[in-house]
Amino acid sequence: MNAQIPMSHFGHWLFLIFILCVLSGCATVYNQATGRQETMLISTADEVRIGQKMAAEIEKKYKPDEDIFVQARLRAIGNVIAAVSDRKDLTYYFKVLKDKDVNAFTTPGGYVYVFRGLIDKTGSDSELASVVAHEIGHVAARHAAKKMEIDMGYNLLMSIVFSGKSNADTARYIDIGFNLIALGYSREDELFADKLGIRYLIKAGYDPYGMVSFMEKMEKMEKEEGGAPIYILSSHPYMSQRIEEARKEIARQKTQKALQEQAVNDKI
């Protein structure tokens, strides 16, 4: 059962958000990925600065994989997906981390990390592209930035951006931000990232069913390990739900694309 928020408290929250926006100069912009006008507490430039600082700390904790061919494969696939994504106001970075965990994540600012354990589970470029497309979906929808805006607050975020605190304090704030992202997104955000990922896979020319086949692998892997949580599944919606929704979305988007192509042909 969800707790009900008293209207008086809700009004206070609205007032605080309004004051915060006035003081911080936040902007309301149209997000092409979500199709909505959204309030941004941090600018794209600030988001990139936060991502850069987080990336530096992440790569101290997790070493990049030494296999240059695996790194090149991820970058090539990532760049193709990024080129058709809804967000092109930043430069994307793709890196394989030398870790056996089956995991992938992104920071604010377009830094996409895939663990080697996940790479080794993919059987095709379309499967790997589906993971990358999902993560880029999070970037396009600003899910990581929004999560940090809500959970950390403007002052902590600006401490990361401008490093006004000591190096130890800045590192601690970055660690807080990374832990927030590592905890995962809401079920709605995860399903929406799948939806965007399917859109990008189709536009980039990859087989969107690569997302379904990879999810099925992860579901089987979880069952074989006796229900032990797999990192990439730990805070996500049930994989069966994601598979079902992905199949529906692929069918919907393929039908929409076919209708659009037919409309173009009819005009010729």
Protein backbone atom coordinates (compact mmCIF):
# COMPACT_ATOMS: atom_id res chain seq x y z
CA MET A 1 0.00 0.00 0.00
CA ASN A 2 1.36 3.41 -0.94
CA ALA A 3 1.41 6.08 1.77
CA GLN A 4 -0.67 9.14 0.99
CA ILE A 5 1.15 12.49 1.02
CA PRO A 6 -0.88 15.23 2.76
CA MET A 7 -1.71 18.06 0.39
CA SER A 8 -0.10 20.56 2.77
CA HIS A 9 3.21 18.68 2.50
CA PHE A 10 2.81 18.42 -1.26
CA GLY A 11 2.35 22.19 -1.44
CA HIS A 12 5.51 22.73 0.58
CA TRP A 13 7.45 20.50 -1.80
CA LEU A 14 6.16 22.41 -4.82
CA PHE A 15 7.14 25.69 -3.20
CA LEU A 16 10.63 24.42 -2.37
CA ILE A 17 11.12 23.16 -5.92
CA PHE A 18 9.98 26.53 -7.28
CA ILE A 19 12.40 28.44 -5.02
CA LEU A 20 15.23 26.06 -5.93
CA CYS A 21 14.61 26.64 -9.61
CA VAL A 22 14.55 30.42 -9.17
CA LEU A 23 17.78 30.45 -7.16
CA SER A 24 19.66 27.99 -9.36
CA GLY A 25 18.49 29.31 -12.71
CA CYS A 26 17.29 25.88 -13.84
CA ALA A 27 15.70 25.65 -17.25
CA THR A 28 12.64 23.98 -18.70
CA VAL A 29 13.48 22.21 -21.95
CA TYR A 30 11.80 19.79 -24.34
CA ASN A 31 13.18 16.26 -24.00
CA GLN A 32 12.86 14.56 -27.37
CA ALA A 33 13.28 11.11 -25.84
CA THR A 34 10.39 11.47 -23.40
CA GLY A 35 8.32 13.87 -25.52
CA ARG A 36 7.80 16.18 -22.53
CA GLN A 37 8.84 19.59 -21.25
CA GLU A 38 11.16 18.91 -18.30
CA THR A 39 12.80 21.03 -15.63
CA MET A 40 16.59 20.67 -15.46
CA LEU A 41 18.32 21.57 -12.20
CA ILE A 42 21.71 21.01 -13.85
CA SER A 43 22.70 21.99 -17.38
CA THR A 44 24.09 19.59 -19.96
CA ALA A 45 27.55 21.11 -19.41
CA ASP A 46 27.29 20.49 -15.65
CA GLU A 47 26.00 16.96 -16.29
CA VAL A 48 29.07 16.28 -18.43
CA ARG A 49 31.38 17.62 -15.70
CA ILE A 50 29.76 15.32 -13.15
CA GLY A 51 30.11 12.40 -15.56
CA GLN A 52 33.78 13.16 -16.11
CA LYS A 53 34.51 13.17 -12.39
CA MET A 54 32.49 10.00 -11.83
CA ALA A 55 34.26 8.29 -14.75
CA ALA A 56 37.65 9.08 -13.23
CA GLU A 57 36.65 7.47 -9.94
CA ILE A 58 34.99 4.48 -11.62
CA GLU A 59 38.15 3.73 -13.59
CA LYS A 60 40.16 3.74 -10.38
CA LYS A 61 37.82 1.13 -8.91
CA TYR A 62 37.36 -0.95 -12.08
CA LYS A 63 40.24 -1.30 -14.51
CA PRO A 64 39.52 -1.10 -18.27
CA ASP A 65 39.84 -4.41 -20.09
CA GLU A 66 43.15 -4.79 -21.93
CA ASP A 67 41.60 -6.47 -25.00
CA ILE A 68 41.76 -3.72 -27.63
CA PHE A 69 39.49 -5.64 -30.01
CA VAL A 70 36.73 -5.95 -27.41
CA GLN A 71 37.06 -2.24 -26.63
CA ALA A 72 36.92 -1.37 -30.34
CA ARG A 73 33.84 -3.56 -30.84
CA LEU A 74 31.96 -1.82 -28.03
CA ARG A 75 32.96 1.65 -29.27
CA ALA A 76 31.91 0.85 -32.85
CA ILE A 77 28.50 -0.44 -31.77
CA GLY A 78 28.06 2.39 -29.28
CA ASN A 79 28.83 5.09 -31.84
CA VAL A 80 26.30 3.66 -34.30
CA ILE A 81 23.57 3.63 -31.63
CA ALA A 82 24.48 7.09 -30.33
CA ALA A 83 24.23 8.52 -33.87
CA VAL A 84 20.53 7.61 -34.07
CA SER A 85 19.62 8.39 -30.46
CA ASP A 86 17.36 11.23 -29.35
CA ARG A 87 20.18 12.97 -27.54
CA LYS A 88 23.11 14.38 -29.48
CA ASP A 89 24.05 17.33 -27.26
CA LEU A 90 26.94 15.43 -25.69
CA THR A 91 29.78 13.12 -26.65
CA TYR A 92 29.35 9.47 -25.68
CA TYR A 93 32.14 7.35 -24.25
CA PHE A 94 32.08 3.55 -24.24
CA LYS A 95 34.41 1.34 -22.24
CA VAL A 96 34.65 -2.33 -21.23
CA LEU A 97 35.61 -2.86 -17.59
CA LYS A 98 37.71 -5.85 -16.58
CA ASP A 99 35.21 -7.54 -14.28
CA LYS A 100 33.36 -10.86 -14.44
CA ASP A 101 30.05 -9.42 -13.25
CA VAL A 102 27.17 -9.43 -15.73
CA ASN A 103 26.47 -5.73 -15.58
CA ALA A 104 26.33 -2.47 -17.49
CA PHE A 105 25.60 1.09 -16.42
CA THR A 106 25.88 4.71 -17.46
CA THR A 107 26.75 7.92 -15.64
CA PRO A 108 25.36 11.38 -16.30
CA GLY A 109 27.03 12.93 -19.33
CA GLY A 110 27.08 9.86 -21.57
CA TYR A 111 29.72 7.55 -20.08
CA VAL A 112 28.59 3.98 -20.82
CA TYR A 113 30.36 1.09 -19.10
CA VAL A 114 29.93 -2.63 -19.85
CA PHE A 115 31.58 -5.31 -17.73
CA ARG A 116 33.55 -8.02 -19.51
CA GLY A 117 31.34 -10.64 -17.88
CA LEU A 118 28.38 -9.27 -19.79
CA ILE A 119 30.32 -8.98 -23.05
CA ASP A 120 31.15 -12.69 -22.82
CA LYS A 121 27.46 -13.56 -22.46
CA THR A 122 26.48 -11.85 -25.72
CA GLY A 123 26.39 -14.08 -28.78
CA SER A 124 25.97 -11.44 -31.47
CA ASP A 125 26.47 -7.76 -32.17
CA SER A 126 22.70 -7.30 -31.98
CA GLU A 127 22.65 -8.64 -28.42
CA LEU A 128 25.47 -6.35 -27.34
CA ALA A 129 23.86 -3.47 -29.23
CA SER A 130 20.65 -4.06 -27.27
CA VAL A 131 22.49 -3.56 -23.97
CA VAL A 132 24.17 -0.41 -25.27
CA ALA A 133 20.90 0.91 -26.71
CA HIS A 134 19.19 0.39 -23.35
CA GLU A 135 21.93 2.36 -21.57
CA ILE A 136 21.82 5.14 -24.16
CA GLY A 137 18.07 5.20 -23.58
CA HIS A 138 18.81 6.06 -19.95
CA VAL A 139 21.13 8.84 -21.11
CA ALA A 140 18.61 10.25 -23.59
CA ALA A 141 15.88 10.32 -20.95
CA ARG A 142 18.34 11.79 -18.40
CA HIS A 143 17.46 9.05 -15.91
CA ALA A 144 20.83 9.12 -14.09
CA ALA A 145 20.89 12.93 -13.92
CA LYS A 146 17.28 13.07 -12.69
CA LYS A 147 17.97 10.43 -10.03
CA MET A 148 20.93 12.40 -8.74
CA GLU A 149 18.98 15.68 -8.85
CA ILE A 150 16.24 14.17 -6.70
CA ASP A 151 18.32 12.12 -4.27
CA MET A 152 21.42 14.28 -3.85
CA GLY A 153 20.08 17.80 -4.24
CA TYR A 154 21.41 20.84 -6.03
CA ASN A 155 24.11 21.83 -3.52
CA LEU A 156 25.83 18.44 -3.51
CA LEU A 157 25.71 18.27 -7.30
CA MET A 158 27.30 21.70 -7.58
CA SER A 159 30.00 20.63 -5.12
CA ILE A 160 30.91 17.90 -7.61
CA VAL A 161 30.80 20.28 -10.56
CA PHE A 162 32.91 23.04 -9.09
CA SER A 163 34.99 21.04 -6.58
CA GLY A 164 34.50 23.76 -3.98
CA LYS A 165 35.01 21.21 -1.23
CA SER A 166 38.16 19.26 -0.48
CA ASN A 167 39.16 16.42 -2.78
CA ALA A 168 38.01 13.97 -0.11
CA ASP A 169 34.56 15.56 0.06
CA THR A 170 34.24 15.63 -3.72
CA ALA A 171 35.23 11.96 -3.96
CA ARG A 172 32.65 11.13 -1.28
CA TYR A 173 29.89 12.95 -3.19
CA ILE A 174 30.87 11.17 -6.40
CA ASP A 175 30.72 7.86 -4.55
CA ILE A 176 27.22 8.75 -3.29
CA GLY A 177 26.16 9.49 -6.87
CA PHE A 178 27.62 6.24 -8.19
CA ASN A 179 25.89 4.22 -5.46
CA LEU A 180 22.57 5.86 -6.32
CA ILE A 181 22.94 4.81 -9.95
CA ALA A 182 24.17 1.33 -8.99
CA LEU A 183 21.00 0.80 -6.94
CA GLY A 184 19.05 0.95 -10.18
CA TYR A 185 16.18 2.89 -11.62
CA SER A 186 12.45 2.59 -11.19
CA ARG A 187 10.56 -0.12 -13.03
CA GLU A 188 9.03 2.55 -15.27
CA ASP A 189 12.48 3.95 -16.17
CA GLU A 190 13.83 0.51 -17.01
CA LEU A 191 10.89 -0.35 -19.27
CA PHE A 192 11.13 3.06 -20.92
CA ALA A 193 14.86 2.57 -21.57
CA ASP A 194 13.99 -0.76 -23.23
CA LYS A 195 11.44 1.04 -25.42
CA LEU A 196 13.96 3.68 -26.47
CA GLY A 197 16.59 0.98 -26.99
CA ILE A 198 14.33 -0.86 -29.42
CA ARG A 199 13.74 2.38 -31.34
CA TYR A 200 17.48 2.95 -31.63
CA LEU A 201 18.22 -0.67 -32.64
CA ILE A 202 15.73 -0.48 -35.50
CA LYS A 203 17.00 2.93 -36.66
CA ALA A 204 20.61 1.70 -36.50
CA GLY A 205 19.88 -1.44 -38.52
CA TYR A 206 20.38 -3.99 -35.73
CA ASP A 207 17.97 -6.85 -35.14
CA PRO A 208 15.77 -5.65 -32.25
CA TYR A 209 15.10 -9.25 -31.26
CA GLY A 210 18.70 -9.24 -30.03
CA MET A 211 17.26 -7.55 -26.96
CA VAL A 212 14.77 -10.37 -26.45
CA SER A 213 17.34 -13.14 -26.96
CA PHE A 214 19.76 -11.52 -24.52
CA MET A 215 17.02 -11.07 -21.91
CA GLU A 216 16.09 -14.73 -22.33
CA LYS A 217 19.73 -15.67 -21.69
CA MET A 218 19.74 -13.60 -18.51
CA GLU A 219 16.45 -15.12 -17.35
CA LYS A 220 17.80 -18.64 -17.93
CA MET A 221 21.06 -17.77 -16.19
CA GLU A 222 19.18 -16.52 -13.13
CA LYS A 223 17.09 -19.71 -12.95
CA GLU A 224 20.15 -21.95 -13.35
CA GLU A 225 21.85 -20.18 -10.45
CA GLY A 226 18.94 -20.99 -8.17
CA GLY A 227 17.44 -17.53 -8.12
CA ALA A 228 20.70 -15.86 -7.11
CA PRO A 229 20.51 -12.23 -8.26
CA ILE A 230 22.48 -11.25 -11.32
CA TYR A 231 23.77 -7.69 -11.08
CA ILE A 232 22.07 -6.47 -14.22
CA LEU A 233 18.79 -7.95 -12.96
CA SER A 234 19.02 -7.06 -9.29
CA SER A 235 16.87 -3.93 -9.32
CA HIS A 236 15.21 -4.26 -12.71
CA PRO A 237 11.64 -5.36 -13.43
CA TYR A 238 11.07 -9.11 -13.65
CA MET A 239 12.82 -10.30 -16.79
CA SER A 240 9.67 -12.08 -17.95
CA GLN A 241 7.86 -8.74 -17.93
CA ARG A 242 10.66 -7.03 -19.84
CA ILE A 243 10.67 -9.81 -22.46
CA GLU A 244 6.91 -9.59 -22.92
CA GLU A 245 6.95 -5.79 -23.18
CA ALA A 246 9.95 -5.85 -25.56
CA ARG A 247 8.17 -8.24 -27.93
CA LYS A 248 5.10 -5.99 -27.97
CA GLU A 249 7.19 -2.88 -28.55
CA ILE A 250 9.16 -4.46 -31.40
CA ALA A 251 5.93 -5.46 -33.13
CA ARG A 252 4.46 -1.99 -32.60
CA GLN A 253 7.52 -0.14 -33.89
CA LYS A 254 7.97 -2.46 -36.89
CA THR A 255 4.32 -1.96 -37.85
CA GLN A 256 4.69 1.80 -37.47
CA LYS A 257 7.83 1.80 -39.61
CA ALA A 258 6.14 -0.28 -42.32
CA LEU A 259 3.18 2.10 -42.41
CA GLN A 260 5.48 5.10 -42.69
CA GLU A 261 7.44 3.50 -45.52
CA GLN A 262 4.20 2.63 -47.32
CA ALA A 263 2.98 6.21 -46.98
CA VAL A 264 6.24 7.47 -48.54
CA ASN A 265 5.96 4.97 -51.41
CA ASP A 266 2.36 6.00 -52.06
CA LYS A 267 3.47 9.61 -52.53
CA ILE A 268 6.11 8.67 -55.11
